[in-house]
């Protein structure tokens, strides 16, 4: 398993320092390339704003998608609207 991180500084730099990811990606598309799962760690409602804009289309149809916040309902609703 390879963990690819994507995000803004200083958060992503700190995550890399802590060893939370194996490699850092500069683009969401690079972070999700070849992935069998995706985890969104952005603050809510940020995830609901950016993920349906392309993140869901970058994963294969059978990939697992989840977020690290406890509020999934609005994300799922936005994904349904975007399709």
N, C-alpha and C. Protein backbone atom coordinates (compact mmCIF):
# COMPACT_ATOMS: atom_id res chain seq x y z
N UNK A 1 0.85 -1.16 0.00
CA UNK A 1 0.00 0.00 0.00
C UNK A 1 0.90 1.24 0.00
N UNK A 2 0.47 2.23 -0.77
CA UNK A 2 1.18 3.50 -0.85
C UNK A 2 0.20 4.62 -0.51
N UNK A 3 0.57 5.47 0.43
CA UNK A 3 -0.29 6.57 0.84
C UNK A 3 0.21 7.86 0.22
N UNK A 4 -0.66 8.47 -0.58
CA UNK A 4 -0.32 9.70 -1.29
C UNK A 4 -1.09 10.85 -0.65
N UNK A 5 -0.38 11.89 -0.27
CA UNK A 5 -1.00 13.05 0.35
C UNK A 5 -1.12 14.22 -0.60
N UNK A 6 -2.19 14.95 -0.45
CA UNK A 6 -2.41 16.18 -1.22
C UNK A 6 -3.03 17.19 -0.28
N UNK A 7 -2.58 18.43 -0.34
CA UNK A 7 -3.17 19.46 0.50
C UNK A 7 -2.38 20.74 0.45
N UNK A 8 -2.78 21.67 1.28
CA UNK A 8 -2.15 22.99 1.34
C UNK A 8 -1.08 23.01 2.42
N UNK A 9 -0.12 23.90 2.23
CA UNK A 9 0.87 24.16 3.28
C UNK A 9 0.24 25.11 4.30
N UNK A 10 0.56 25.02 5.54
CA UNK A 10 1.60 24.18 6.13
C UNK A 10 1.12 22.78 6.51
N UNK A 11 -0.18 22.51 6.35
CA UNK A 11 -0.73 21.23 6.81
C UNK A 11 -0.09 20.03 6.13
N UNK A 12 0.03 20.05 4.80
CA UNK A 12 0.57 18.89 4.10
C UNK A 12 2.05 18.70 4.42
N UNK A 13 2.78 19.79 4.58
CA UNK A 13 4.20 19.67 4.95
C UNK A 13 4.35 19.03 6.32
N UNK A 14 3.51 19.41 7.24
CA UNK A 14 3.56 18.83 8.59
C UNK A 14 3.19 17.35 8.53
N UNK A 15 2.19 17.01 7.76
CA UNK A 15 1.80 15.60 7.61
C UNK A 15 2.95 14.78 7.04
N UNK A 16 3.67 15.34 6.09
CA UNK A 16 4.81 14.64 5.51
C UNK A 16 5.91 14.47 6.56
N UNK A 17 6.16 15.52 7.35
CA UNK A 17 7.16 15.44 8.42
C UNK A 17 6.83 14.33 9.42
N UNK A 18 5.54 14.16 9.68
CA UNK A 18 5.09 13.15 10.64
C UNK A 18 5.06 11.74 10.03
N UNK A 19 5.31 11.64 8.73
CA UNK A 19 5.31 10.34 8.07
C UNK A 19 3.92 9.78 7.79
N UNK A 20 2.94 10.66 7.69
CA UNK A 20 1.58 10.19 7.43
C UNK A 20 1.36 9.74 5.99
N UNK A 21 2.21 10.19 5.08
CA UNK A 21 2.10 9.82 3.67
C UNK A 21 3.46 9.35 3.16
N UNK A 22 3.43 8.50 2.17
CA UNK A 22 4.67 8.03 1.55
C UNK A 22 5.20 9.03 0.53
N UNK A 23 4.29 9.72 -0.13
CA UNK A 23 4.66 10.67 -1.18
C UNK A 23 3.64 11.80 -1.20
N UNK A 24 4.07 12.96 -1.66
CA UNK A 24 3.20 14.14 -1.75
C UNK A 24 2.85 14.39 -3.21
N UNK A 25 1.59 14.65 -3.48
CA UNK A 25 1.13 14.98 -4.83
C UNK A 25 0.80 16.47 -4.91
N UNK A 26 1.05 17.07 -6.06
CA UNK A 26 0.75 18.49 -6.25
C UNK A 26 -0.66 18.72 -6.79
N UNK A 27 -1.26 17.68 -7.35
CA UNK A 27 -2.61 17.78 -7.92
C UNK A 27 -3.49 16.64 -7.39
N UNK A 28 -4.78 16.91 -7.25
CA UNK A 28 -5.70 15.86 -6.82
C UNK A 28 -5.63 14.68 -7.78
N UNK A 29 -5.56 14.96 -9.07
CA UNK A 29 -5.50 13.88 -10.07
C UNK A 29 -4.29 12.99 -9.84
N UNK A 30 -3.16 13.58 -9.48
CA UNK A 30 -1.96 12.78 -9.19
C UNK A 30 -2.13 11.96 -7.92
N UNK A 31 -2.77 12.54 -6.92
CA UNK A 31 -2.98 11.83 -5.66
C UNK A 31 -3.88 10.62 -5.84
N UNK A 32 -4.84 10.71 -6.75
CA UNK A 32 -5.81 9.63 -6.94
C UNK A 32 -5.47 8.67 -8.08
N UNK A 33 -4.43 8.97 -8.84
CA UNK A 33 -4.07 8.13 -9.99
C UNK A 33 -3.78 6.70 -9.53
N UNK A 34 -4.53 5.76 -10.06
CA UNK A 34 -4.34 4.35 -9.75
C UNK A 34 -4.83 3.94 -8.37
N UNK A 35 -5.53 4.82 -7.68
CA UNK A 35 -5.99 4.52 -6.32
C UNK A 35 -7.19 3.57 -6.33
N UNK A 36 -7.27 2.75 -5.29
CA UNK A 36 -8.46 1.91 -5.11
C UNK A 36 -9.35 2.46 -4.00
N UNK A 37 -8.91 3.56 -3.39
CA UNK A 37 -9.73 4.24 -2.40
C UNK A 37 -9.27 5.69 -2.27
N UNK A 38 -10.17 6.52 -1.76
CA UNK A 38 -9.86 7.93 -1.54
C UNK A 38 -10.43 8.37 -0.21
N UNK A 39 -9.69 9.18 0.49
CA UNK A 39 -10.14 9.73 1.76
C UNK A 39 -9.96 11.24 1.75
N UNK A 40 -11.04 11.93 1.95
CA UNK A 40 -11.00 13.39 1.98
C UNK A 40 -10.81 13.84 3.42
N UNK A 41 -9.79 14.65 3.66
CA UNK A 41 -9.53 15.13 5.00
C UNK A 41 -9.72 16.63 5.15
N UNK A 42 -10.31 17.26 4.15
CA UNK A 42 -10.55 18.71 4.21
C UNK A 42 -11.64 19.02 5.22
N UNK A 43 -11.59 20.22 5.76
CA UNK A 43 -12.65 20.62 6.68
C UNK A 43 -13.98 20.69 5.94
N UNK A 44 -15.01 20.26 6.60
CA UNK A 44 -16.34 20.34 6.03
C UNK A 44 -16.83 21.77 6.22
N UNK A 45 -17.44 22.44 5.25
CA UNK A 45 -18.01 21.93 4.01
C UNK A 45 -17.10 21.98 2.80
N UNK A 46 -15.80 22.18 3.00
CA UNK A 46 -14.87 22.23 1.88
C UNK A 46 -14.95 20.98 1.01
N UNK A 47 -15.02 19.82 1.63
CA UNK A 47 -15.09 18.56 0.88
C UNK A 47 -16.30 18.54 -0.04
N UNK A 48 -17.44 18.98 0.47
CA UNK A 48 -18.66 18.99 -0.33
C UNK A 48 -18.56 19.94 -1.51
N UNK A 49 -17.73 20.98 -1.39
CA UNK A 49 -17.56 21.94 -2.50
C UNK A 49 -16.64 21.42 -3.58
N UNK A 50 -15.47 20.85 -3.22
CA UNK A 50 -14.49 20.52 -4.26
C UNK A 50 -14.56 19.10 -4.75
N UNK A 51 -14.96 18.16 -3.92
CA UNK A 51 -14.90 16.75 -4.34
C UNK A 51 -15.78 16.45 -5.55
N UNK A 52 -17.06 16.86 -5.58
CA UNK A 52 -17.89 16.55 -6.75
C UNK A 52 -17.43 17.22 -8.03
N UNK A 53 -16.52 18.18 -7.93
CA UNK A 53 -16.02 18.86 -9.11
C UNK A 53 -15.01 18.04 -9.90
N UNK A 54 -14.72 16.86 -9.50
CA UNK A 54 -13.77 16.05 -10.25
C UNK A 54 -13.18 14.90 -9.46
N UNK A 55 -13.09 15.05 -8.15
CA UNK A 55 -12.49 13.99 -7.36
C UNK A 55 -13.19 12.66 -7.51
N UNK A 56 -14.52 12.69 -7.58
CA UNK A 56 -15.27 11.44 -7.71
C UNK A 56 -15.08 10.81 -9.09
N UNK A 57 -14.75 11.59 -10.09
CA UNK A 57 -14.55 11.05 -11.44
C UNK A 57 -13.13 10.53 -11.66
N UNK A 58 -12.24 10.83 -10.73
CA UNK A 58 -10.85 10.39 -10.85
C UNK A 58 -10.63 9.00 -10.28
N UNK A 59 -11.58 8.51 -9.50
CA UNK A 59 -11.48 7.17 -8.94
C UNK A 59 -12.25 6.19 -9.81
N UNK A 60 -11.81 4.93 -9.87
CA UNK A 60 -12.58 3.92 -10.60
C UNK A 60 -13.96 3.75 -9.96
N UNK A 61 -14.95 3.27 -10.72
CA UNK A 61 -16.31 3.13 -10.19
C UNK A 61 -16.42 2.23 -8.97
N UNK A 62 -15.51 1.28 -8.83
CA UNK A 62 -15.59 0.35 -7.70
C UNK A 62 -14.70 0.77 -6.52
N UNK A 63 -14.13 1.96 -6.59
CA UNK A 63 -13.25 2.44 -5.52
C UNK A 63 -14.07 2.83 -4.28
N UNK A 64 -13.44 2.76 -3.14
CA UNK A 64 -14.05 3.17 -1.88
C UNK A 64 -13.72 4.65 -1.66
N UNK A 65 -14.74 5.43 -1.35
CA UNK A 65 -14.56 6.85 -1.08
C UNK A 65 -15.12 7.16 0.30
N UNK A 66 -14.33 7.78 1.14
CA UNK A 66 -14.80 8.20 2.45
C UNK A 66 -14.11 9.50 2.84
N UNK A 67 -14.60 10.10 3.90
CA UNK A 67 -13.96 11.31 4.41
C UNK A 67 -13.58 11.08 5.86
N UNK A 68 -12.76 11.96 6.37
CA UNK A 68 -12.28 11.80 7.73
C UNK A 68 -13.08 12.63 8.74
N UNK A 69 -14.09 13.32 8.25
CA UNK A 69 -14.98 14.03 9.17
C UNK A 69 -16.15 13.11 9.48
N UNK A 70 -16.98 13.51 10.39
CA UNK A 70 -18.09 12.64 10.78
C UNK A 70 -19.39 13.00 10.07
N UNK A 71 -19.34 13.94 9.14
CA UNK A 71 -20.55 14.40 8.46
C UNK A 71 -20.50 13.97 7.00
N UNK A 72 -21.14 12.85 6.67
CA UNK A 72 -21.08 12.33 5.31
C UNK A 72 -22.33 12.64 4.48
N UNK A 73 -23.45 12.88 5.12
CA UNK A 73 -24.69 13.11 4.41
C UNK A 73 -24.63 14.22 3.37
N UNK A 74 -24.15 15.42 3.72
CA UNK A 74 -24.08 16.50 2.73
C UNK A 74 -23.11 16.19 1.57
N UNK A 75 -22.04 15.46 1.84
CA UNK A 75 -21.12 15.08 0.76
C UNK A 75 -21.82 14.16 -0.22
N UNK A 76 -22.52 13.16 0.28
CA UNK A 76 -23.24 12.22 -0.58
C UNK A 76 -24.32 12.97 -1.37
N UNK A 77 -25.01 13.90 -0.73
CA UNK A 77 -26.06 14.68 -1.42
C UNK A 77 -25.47 15.48 -2.57
N UNK A 78 -24.31 16.13 -2.35
CA UNK A 78 -23.68 16.90 -3.41
C UNK A 78 -23.20 16.01 -4.54
N UNK A 79 -22.68 14.82 -4.22
CA UNK A 79 -22.27 13.88 -5.27
C UNK A 79 -23.47 13.49 -6.12
N UNK A 80 -24.59 13.23 -5.49
CA UNK A 80 -25.79 12.87 -6.24
C UNK A 80 -26.25 14.00 -7.14
N UNK A 81 -26.17 15.24 -6.68
CA UNK A 81 -26.54 16.40 -7.49
C UNK A 81 -25.61 16.57 -8.68
N UNK A 82 -24.32 16.28 -8.48
CA UNK A 82 -23.31 16.50 -9.52
C UNK A 82 -23.43 15.50 -10.64
N UNK A 83 -24.02 14.38 -10.40
CA UNK A 83 -24.14 13.36 -11.43
C UNK A 83 -25.38 13.61 -12.20
